[in-house]
Amino acid sequence: MWASEPELLEQGSLWAELGMTLGGDQPPEWSAYCGLVCGMTYTTLRRREQAMLCLERSVVDLDGIEGCDSLRVAARGLLAVHEVLSGDR
């Protein structure tokens, strides 16, 4: 699986971190979207802790925004999967 290649793991992590950094200076909707993409990226890279942090941030941002139901459901759904897999639920 490609996620086990060290260079690709590192590059994917750098891109995810960059996405979260760039998203932080944007409107809440964009920041929440960046958090969701970051969470999905870390999920693919099998980095659950980082994925959960990104998804939690995305959920917090989305809870304060009206009209972003599909993003909210996606972020909460993936976060719930991580919580179940980590034994938090």
N, C-alpha and C. Protein backbone atom coordinates (compact mmCIF):
# COMPACT_ATOMS: atom_id res chain seq x y z
N MET A 1 0.85 -1.17 0.00
CA MET A 1 0.00 0.00 0.00
C MET A 1 0.90 1.24 0.00
N TRP A 2 0.50 2.25 -0.75
CA TRP A 2 1.35 3.43 -0.91
C TRP A 2 1.58 4.17 0.41
N ALA A 3 0.64 4.08 1.35
CA ALA A 3 0.78 4.82 2.61
C ALA A 3 1.94 4.30 3.45
N SER A 4 2.53 3.19 3.07
CA SER A 4 3.66 2.67 3.83
C SER A 4 4.99 3.17 3.27
N GLU A 5 4.95 3.88 2.15
CA GLU A 5 6.17 4.44 1.57
C GLU A 5 6.57 5.68 2.38
N PRO A 6 7.74 5.68 3.01
CA PRO A 6 8.13 6.78 3.90
C PRO A 6 8.09 8.17 3.26
N GLU A 7 8.59 8.28 2.02
CA GLU A 7 8.60 9.60 1.38
C GLU A 7 7.19 10.10 1.13
N LEU A 8 6.32 9.21 0.71
CA LEU A 8 4.94 9.60 0.42
C LEU A 8 4.18 9.92 1.70
N LEU A 9 4.44 9.18 2.74
CA LEU A 9 3.84 9.49 4.04
C LEU A 9 4.23 10.89 4.50
N GLU A 10 5.49 11.18 4.39
CA GLU A 10 5.98 12.49 4.81
C GLU A 10 5.40 13.61 3.95
N GLN A 11 5.36 13.41 2.64
CA GLN A 11 4.82 14.43 1.75
C GLN A 11 3.33 14.65 2.00
N GLY A 12 2.59 13.57 2.19
CA GLY A 12 1.16 13.69 2.49
C GLY A 12 0.91 14.43 3.79
N SER A 13 1.72 14.16 4.78
CA SER A 13 1.60 14.86 6.07
C SER A 13 1.90 16.35 5.92
N LEU A 14 2.93 16.66 5.15
CA LEU A 14 3.26 18.07 4.92
C LEU A 14 2.13 18.80 4.22
N TRP A 15 1.53 18.16 3.23
CA TRP A 15 0.41 18.78 2.51
C TRP A 15 -0.79 18.98 3.43
N ALA A 16 -1.06 18.00 4.29
CA ALA A 16 -2.18 18.12 5.22
C ALA A 16 -1.94 19.27 6.20
N GLU A 17 -0.73 19.35 6.74
CA GLU A 17 -0.40 20.45 7.65
C GLU A 17 -0.51 21.80 6.96
N LEU A 18 -0.03 21.87 5.73
CA LEU A 18 -0.11 23.11 4.97
C LEU A 18 -1.57 23.50 4.73
N GLY A 19 -2.39 22.53 4.41
CA GLY A 19 -3.82 22.79 4.20
C GLY A 19 -4.49 23.35 5.44
N MET A 20 -4.17 22.80 6.60
CA MET A 20 -4.75 23.30 7.84
C MET A 20 -4.24 24.71 8.15
N THR A 21 -2.97 24.96 7.88
CA THR A 21 -2.40 26.28 8.12
C THR A 21 -3.05 27.32 7.21
N LEU A 22 -3.15 27.02 5.94
CA LEU A 22 -3.76 27.95 4.99
C LEU A 22 -5.24 28.15 5.27
N GLY A 23 -5.92 27.10 5.69
CA GLY A 23 -7.35 27.19 5.98
C GLY A 23 -7.66 28.03 7.19
N GLY A 24 -6.71 28.14 8.11
CA GLY A 24 -6.94 28.88 9.34
C GLY A 24 -7.16 30.37 9.13
N ASP A 25 -6.64 30.91 8.05
CA ASP A 25 -6.77 32.34 7.76
C ASP A 25 -7.98 32.65 6.89
N GLN A 26 -8.78 31.67 6.61
CA GLN A 26 -9.92 31.82 5.70
C GLN A 26 -11.23 31.92 6.48
N PRO A 27 -12.33 32.23 5.78
CA PRO A 27 -13.64 32.22 6.45
C PRO A 27 -13.92 30.85 7.06
N PRO A 28 -14.79 30.79 8.07
CA PRO A 28 -15.04 29.52 8.78
C PRO A 28 -15.45 28.37 7.86
N GLU A 29 -16.22 28.65 6.82
CA GLU A 29 -16.65 27.59 5.91
C GLU A 29 -15.44 26.94 5.23
N TRP A 30 -14.53 27.77 4.79
CA TRP A 30 -13.33 27.26 4.11
C TRP A 30 -12.42 26.55 5.10
N SER A 31 -12.26 27.11 6.27
CA SER A 31 -11.44 26.48 7.31
C SER A 31 -12.00 25.10 7.67
N ALA A 32 -13.32 25.00 7.78
CA ALA A 32 -13.95 23.72 8.10
C ALA A 32 -13.73 22.72 6.98
N TYR A 33 -13.83 23.17 5.74
CA TYR A 33 -13.59 22.28 4.60
C TYR A 33 -12.14 21.78 4.62
N CYS A 34 -11.20 22.68 4.89
CA CYS A 34 -9.79 22.28 4.97
C CYS A 34 -9.58 21.25 6.08
N GLY A 35 -10.27 21.43 7.21
CA GLY A 35 -10.18 20.46 8.30
C GLY A 35 -10.70 19.10 7.89
N LEU A 36 -11.79 19.07 7.13
CA LEU A 36 -12.34 17.80 6.65
C LEU A 36 -11.37 17.12 5.70
N VAL A 37 -10.82 17.86 4.76
CA VAL A 37 -9.86 17.28 3.80
C VAL A 37 -8.61 16.80 4.54
N CYS A 38 -8.15 17.58 5.49
CA CYS A 38 -7.00 17.18 6.29
C CYS A 38 -7.30 15.89 7.06
N GLY A 39 -8.47 15.81 7.65
CA GLY A 39 -8.87 14.60 8.37
C GLY A 39 -8.92 13.39 7.46
N MET A 40 -9.43 13.57 6.25
CA MET A 40 -9.47 12.46 5.30
C MET A 40 -8.06 12.06 4.86
N THR A 41 -7.19 13.06 4.70
CA THR A 41 -5.81 12.78 4.30
C THR A 41 -5.10 11.97 5.38
N TYR A 42 -5.20 12.43 6.62
CA TYR A 42 -4.56 11.69 7.71
C TYR A 42 -5.18 10.30 7.90
N THR A 43 -6.47 10.17 7.62
CA THR A 43 -7.10 8.84 7.69
C THR A 43 -6.44 7.92 6.68
N THR A 44 -6.25 8.41 5.47
CA THR A 44 -5.62 7.61 4.42
C THR A 44 -4.19 7.25 4.79
N LEU A 45 -3.51 8.15 5.49
CA LEU A 45 -2.13 7.91 5.91
C LEU A 45 -2.04 7.10 7.20
N ARG A 46 -3.19 6.69 7.72
CA ARG A 46 -3.27 5.89 8.95
C ARG A 46 -2.70 6.63 10.16
N ARG A 47 -3.00 7.90 10.23
CA ARG A 47 -2.57 8.73 11.36
C ARG A 47 -3.82 9.23 12.08
N ARG A 48 -4.36 8.33 12.89
CA ARG A 48 -5.66 8.56 13.52
C ARG A 48 -5.67 9.79 14.43
N GLU A 49 -4.66 9.95 15.24
CA GLU A 49 -4.66 11.08 16.18
C GLU A 49 -4.72 12.42 15.44
N GLN A 50 -3.89 12.56 14.41
CA GLN A 50 -3.90 13.80 13.64
C GLN A 50 -5.23 13.97 12.91
N ALA A 51 -5.77 12.87 12.38
CA ALA A 51 -7.06 12.93 11.68
C ALA A 51 -8.15 13.41 12.63
N MET A 52 -8.17 12.87 13.83
CA MET A 52 -9.20 13.26 14.79
C MET A 52 -9.09 14.74 15.17
N LEU A 53 -7.87 15.24 15.33
CA LEU A 53 -7.69 16.65 15.66
C LEU A 53 -8.25 17.55 14.54
N CYS A 54 -7.94 17.21 13.30
CA CYS A 54 -8.45 17.98 12.16
C CYS A 54 -9.97 17.92 12.09
N LEU A 55 -10.52 16.73 12.28
CA LEU A 55 -11.97 16.55 12.18
C LEU A 55 -12.68 17.25 13.33
N GLU A 56 -12.11 17.19 14.52
CA GLU A 56 -12.72 17.90 15.66
C GLU A 56 -12.76 19.40 15.41
N ARG A 57 -11.69 19.94 14.87
CA ARG A 57 -11.66 21.37 14.54
C ARG A 57 -12.70 21.70 13.48
N SER A 58 -12.82 20.84 12.50
CA SER A 58 -13.81 21.05 11.44
C SER A 58 -15.23 21.03 12.00
N VAL A 59 -15.52 20.09 12.88
CA VAL A 59 -16.85 19.99 13.49
C VAL A 59 -17.16 21.25 14.30
N VAL A 60 -16.19 21.73 15.07
CA VAL A 60 -16.40 22.95 15.86
C VAL A 60 -16.70 24.13 14.93
N ASP A 61 -15.92 24.27 13.87
CA ASP A 61 -16.18 25.34 12.90
C ASP A 61 -17.56 25.21 12.28
N LEU A 62 -17.93 24.00 11.90
CA LEU A 62 -19.19 23.78 11.19
C LEU A 62 -20.41 23.94 12.10
N ASP A 63 -20.25 23.65 13.38
CA ASP A 63 -21.39 23.81 14.30
C ASP A 63 -21.85 25.26 14.39
N GLY A 64 -20.95 26.19 14.09
CA GLY A 64 -21.31 27.59 14.15
C GLY A 64 -21.78 28.18 12.83
N ILE A 65 -21.92 27.33 11.80
CA ILE A 65 -22.26 27.81 10.46
C ILE A 65 -23.59 27.21 10.03
N GLU A 66 -24.48 28.05 9.58
CA GLU A 66 -25.76 27.58 9.05
C GLU A 66 -25.59 27.22 7.57
N GLY A 67 -26.19 26.12 7.16
CA GLY A 67 -26.23 25.77 5.75
C GLY A 67 -25.09 24.90 5.25
N CYS A 68 -24.32 24.32 6.12
CA CYS A 68 -23.21 23.45 5.72
C CYS A 68 -23.46 22.02 6.18
N ASP A 69 -24.71 21.59 6.03
CA ASP A 69 -25.10 20.29 6.58
C ASP A 69 -24.29 19.13 6.02
N SER A 70 -24.04 19.12 4.71
CA SER A 70 -23.33 17.98 4.12
C SER A 70 -21.89 17.90 4.63
N LEU A 71 -21.23 19.04 4.77
CA LEU A 71 -19.87 19.03 5.33
C LEU A 71 -19.89 18.58 6.78
N ARG A 72 -20.88 19.07 7.54
CA ARG A 72 -21.00 18.71 8.95
C ARG A 72 -21.21 17.20 9.11
N VAL A 73 -22.08 16.64 8.30
CA VAL A 73 -22.35 15.20 8.37
C VAL A 73 -21.10 14.40 8.00
N ALA A 74 -20.37 14.84 6.97
CA ALA A 74 -19.15 14.13 6.57
C ALA A 74 -18.11 14.18 7.68
N ALA A 75 -17.90 15.36 8.26
CA ALA A 75 -16.89 15.49 9.32
C ALA A 75 -17.29 14.70 10.57
N ARG A 76 -18.55 14.81 10.98
CA ARG A 76 -19.01 14.07 12.17
C ARG A 76 -18.98 12.56 11.93
N GLY A 77 -19.34 12.14 10.72
CA GLY A 77 -19.34 10.71 10.41
C GLY A 77 -17.95 10.11 10.47
N LEU A 78 -16.99 10.77 9.84
CA LEU A 78 -15.62 10.24 9.86
C LEU A 78 -15.03 10.32 11.26
N LEU A 79 -15.34 11.38 11.99
CA LEU A 79 -14.87 11.48 13.38
C LEU A 79 -15.46 10.35 14.22
N ALA A 80 -16.73 10.03 14.01
CA ALA A 80 -17.36 8.93 14.76
C ALA A 80 -16.68 7.60 14.47
N VAL A 81 -16.30 7.37 13.22
CA VAL A 81 -15.59 6.13 12.87
C VAL A 81 -14.28 6.06 13.64
N HIS A 82 -13.56 7.16 13.68
CA HIS A 82 -12.28 7.17 14.43
C HIS A 82 -12.51 6.95 15.92
N GLU A 83 -13.56 7.54 16.46
CA GLU A 83 -13.85 7.36 17.89
C GLU A 83 -14.18 5.90 18.20
N VAL A 84 -14.93 5.27 17.34
CA VAL A 84 -15.26 3.85 17.54
C VAL A 84 -13.99 3.00 17.45
N LEU A 85 -13.18 3.25 16.44
CA LEU A 85 -11.95 2.45 16.26
C LEU A 85 -10.94 2.67 17.37
N SER A 86 -10.94 3.86 17.98
CA SER A 86 -9.98 4.12 19.05
C SER A 86 -10.54 3.72 20.42
N GLY A 87 -11.79 3.28 20.47
CA GLY A 87 -12.39 2.84 21.73
C GLY A 87 -12.97 3.96 22.55
N ASP A 88 -13.09 5.18 21.98
CA ASP A 88 -13.66 6.30 22.71
C ASP A 88 -15.18 6.24 22.79
N ARG A 89 -15.79 5.37 22.06
CA ARG A 89 -17.26 5.21 22.09
C ARG A 89 -17.62 3.77 22.17
